[in-house]
Amino acid sequence: MSDYTRSTIECSVNQLRPELRRAIVEYFQKNTLGEVETETLLCCETVSEKKEPGWLASLLGDQMEPPIYTAVLLTSTNLVWARGGLQSGVTVTGADLGFIRVKPYASIFISDAGLQISGIIGGSASMSGYIGMEPGPVLEKFCDEVQQAIARANPSSTKKWPSWMGGR
């Protein structure tokens, strides 16, 4: 079972929490990605609230944490996400669609949902990551749109049979 209850909505960039929007705008400017509003094809925001600790965790001093907010934006060339909360501040990460793969997150150990990303993230070496989202239509639509955008960014070369095997 997941430690978080998540709520995800599709929204415009202007509807994002102000601190997430500011950080994303700065990221776009710093990385010369254009204007956020015009470049964004799809945007969503997730609120992740930590579930109440069990009785044993409560006895050991585990306390409720404030919600964590995550914004995810898809452009024709990039996937950008910002994560922040009252205690942690905001961090923004991005990945060029030409260097990543995305699939719906699934685990046999916990019931959680989201996007699983692998490839070159944030301009670093190859790595993988996870963006938690609420299971449902918004997650499905977002994952489908990202996968389609990745396919457009990486058109697969049609493999032809060599001429000695009858190919042309």
Protein backbone atom coordinates (compact mmCIF):
# COMPACT_ATOMS: atom_id res chain seq x y z
CA MET A 1 0.00 0.00 0.00
CA SER A 2 1.25 3.47 -0.85
CA ASP A 3 2.23 5.91 1.88
CA TYR A 4 0.41 8.70 0.01
CA THR A 5 -3.06 9.62 -1.10
CA ARG A 6 -2.76 11.40 -4.42
CA SER A 7 -5.09 13.73 -6.27
CA THR A 8 -4.20 14.66 -9.87
CA ILE A 9 -5.92 17.20 -12.12
CA GLU A 10 -5.26 18.31 -15.67
CA CYS A 11 -4.84 22.08 -15.73
CA SER A 12 -3.27 24.98 -17.57
CA VAL A 13 0.14 26.33 -16.58
CA ASN A 14 -1.58 29.43 -15.19
CA GLN A 15 -3.58 27.25 -12.78
CA LEU A 16 -0.51 25.69 -11.14
CA ARG A 17 0.45 26.61 -7.60
CA PRO A 18 2.33 29.92 -7.78
CA GLU A 19 5.62 28.56 -6.41
CA LEU A 20 5.63 25.67 -8.89
CA ARG A 21 4.75 27.96 -11.79
CA ARG A 22 7.53 30.44 -10.87
CA ALA A 23 10.12 27.68 -10.68
CA ILE A 24 9.01 26.22 -14.01
CA VAL A 25 9.10 29.63 -15.72
CA GLU A 26 12.65 30.14 -14.40
CA TYR A 27 13.63 26.68 -15.65
CA PHE A 28 12.22 27.42 -19.12
CA GLN A 29 14.11 30.72 -19.26
CA LYS A 30 17.38 29.24 -18.00
CA ASN A 31 17.21 26.39 -20.53
CA THR A 32 15.86 28.52 -23.42
CA LEU A 33 12.77 26.36 -23.87
CA GLY A 34 10.54 29.25 -24.99
CA GLU A 35 7.40 30.60 -23.35
CA VAL A 36 5.86 28.14 -20.92
CA GLU A 37 2.24 28.82 -21.88
CA THR A 38 2.78 28.48 -25.63
CA GLU A 39 5.15 25.50 -25.52
CA THR A 40 3.10 23.38 -23.10
CA LEU A 41 0.95 20.72 -24.77
CA LEU A 42 -0.33 19.12 -21.57
CA CYS A 43 -0.05 20.02 -17.90
CA CYS A 44 -1.21 18.44 -14.66
CA GLU A 45 -0.74 18.93 -10.94
CA THR A 46 -0.73 16.30 -8.22
CA VAL A 47 -1.21 16.79 -4.49
CA SER A 48 0.36 13.97 -2.46
CA GLU A 49 -0.72 13.77 1.16
CA LYS A 50 1.03 11.40 3.52
CA LYS A 51 -1.38 8.94 5.09
CA GLU A 52 -1.80 9.01 8.84
CA PRO A 53 0.80 6.89 10.58
CA GLY A 54 -0.33 3.68 12.23
CA TRP A 55 -0.54 3.41 16.01
CA LEU A 56 3.00 2.02 16.31
CA ALA A 57 4.49 4.77 14.15
CA SER A 58 2.57 7.34 16.22
CA LEU A 59 4.07 5.95 19.41
CA LEU A 60 7.55 6.23 17.87
CA GLY A 61 6.99 9.89 17.04
CA ASP A 62 6.10 9.70 13.33
CA GLN A 63 4.19 12.88 12.52
CA MET A 64 1.97 13.99 9.67
CA GLU A 65 3.84 15.84 6.94
CA PRO A 66 2.46 18.72 4.87
CA PRO A 67 1.31 17.91 1.32
CA ILE A 68 3.78 17.65 -1.56
CA TYR A 69 2.82 19.30 -4.85
CA THR A 70 4.03 18.09 -8.23
CA ALA A 71 3.48 19.74 -11.60
CA VAL A 72 4.26 17.90 -14.84
CA LEU A 73 4.41 19.62 -18.24
CA LEU A 74 4.77 18.11 -21.68
CA THR A 75 6.14 20.14 -24.58
CA SER A 76 6.88 18.90 -28.08
CA THR A 77 10.52 18.33 -27.07
CA ASN A 78 10.67 18.04 -23.26
CA LEU A 79 9.06 16.60 -20.18
CA VAL A 80 9.44 18.98 -17.22
CA TRP A 81 8.34 18.39 -13.64
CA ALA A 82 8.50 20.46 -10.47
CA ARG A 83 8.11 19.12 -6.96
CA GLY A 84 7.72 21.13 -3.81
CA GLY A 85 6.30 21.36 -0.35
CA LEU A 86 6.34 23.66 2.63
CA GLN A 87 9.42 22.00 4.13
CA SER A 88 11.39 21.11 1.02
CA GLY A 89 11.24 24.06 -1.36
CA VAL A 90 10.77 23.53 -5.10
CA THR A 91 13.00 21.53 -7.43
CA VAL A 92 12.54 21.37 -11.20
CA THR A 93 13.81 18.60 -13.44
CA GLY A 94 13.51 18.14 -17.16
CA ALA A 95 14.31 15.59 -19.81
CA ASP A 96 14.61 15.80 -23.58
CA LEU A 97 12.02 13.46 -25.13
CA GLY A 98 14.68 12.18 -27.49
CA PHE A 99 16.57 10.56 -24.62
CA ILE A 100 13.89 9.06 -22.35
CA ARG A 101 11.31 6.31 -22.18
CA VAL A 102 8.13 6.58 -20.14
CA LYS A 103 5.64 3.98 -19.02
CA PRO A 104 2.93 3.75 -16.40
CA TYR A 105 4.39 2.87 -13.01
CA ALA A 106 3.34 -0.42 -11.50
CA SER A 107 4.67 -2.31 -8.51
CA ILE A 108 3.87 -5.70 -7.08
CA PHE A 109 4.86 -4.45 -3.63
CA ILE A 110 2.86 -1.24 -3.20
CA SER A 111 -0.34 0.11 -4.74
CA ASP A 112 0.84 3.36 -6.22
CA ALA A 113 0.58 4.88 -9.68
CA GLY A 114 2.48 7.34 -11.79
CA LEU A 115 4.99 7.75 -14.59
CA GLN A 116 8.17 5.73 -14.61
CA ILE A 117 10.88 7.57 -16.56
CA SER A 118 14.21 6.17 -17.68
CA GLY A 119 16.97 7.65 -19.79
CA ILE A 120 19.01 10.82 -19.60
CA ILE A 121 17.24 12.97 -17.03
CA GLY A 122 18.31 16.51 -16.22
CA GLY A 123 21.22 16.30 -18.64
CA SER A 124 22.94 13.74 -16.40
CA ALA A 125 23.93 10.16 -16.98
CA SER A 126 21.27 7.58 -17.62
CA MET A 127 18.93 7.19 -14.67
CA SER A 128 15.36 6.33 -13.83
CA GLY A 129 12.74 8.13 -11.84
CA TYR A 130 9.14 8.08 -10.78
CA ILE A 131 6.49 10.78 -10.69
CA GLY A 132 3.59 9.80 -8.42
CA MET A 133 0.10 10.54 -9.72
CA GLU A 134 -3.45 9.54 -8.93
CA PRO A 135 -4.53 6.43 -10.84
CA GLY A 136 -7.24 7.16 -13.38
CA PRO A 137 -8.01 8.97 -16.62
CA VAL A 138 -5.61 11.91 -16.13
CA LEU A 139 -2.65 9.57 -15.56
CA GLU A 140 -3.64 7.39 -18.52
CA LYS A 141 -4.06 10.39 -20.83
CA PHE A 142 -0.80 11.96 -19.69
CA CYS A 143 1.18 8.75 -20.12
CA ASP A 144 -0.34 8.14 -23.57
CA GLU A 145 0.42 11.71 -24.69
CA VAL A 146 4.01 11.50 -23.42
CA GLN A 147 4.58 8.17 -25.17
CA GLN A 148 3.18 9.61 -28.42
CA ALA A 149 5.40 12.71 -28.10
CA ILE A 150 8.42 10.49 -27.50
CA ALA A 151 7.54 8.45 -30.60
CA ARG A 152 7.33 11.68 -32.63
CA ALA A 153 10.68 12.82 -31.22
CA ASN A 154 12.26 9.43 -32.03
CA PRO A 155 10.76 8.19 -35.27
CA SER A 156 11.74 4.55 -35.49
CA SER A 157 13.73 3.68 -38.51
CA THR A 158 12.00 1.07 -40.60
CA LYS A 159 14.22 -1.94 -40.69
CA LYS A 160 14.56 -3.42 -44.12
CA TRP A 161 15.81 -6.81 -45.03
CA PRO A 162 19.28 -6.81 -46.58
CA SER A 163 19.29 -7.11 -50.35
CA TRP A 164 20.78 -10.61 -50.18
CA MET A 165 17.63 -11.65 -48.25
CA GLY A 166 15.27 -10.24 -50.87
CA GLY A 167 14.98 -6.72 -49.40
CA ARG A 168 14.97 -3.58 -51.50
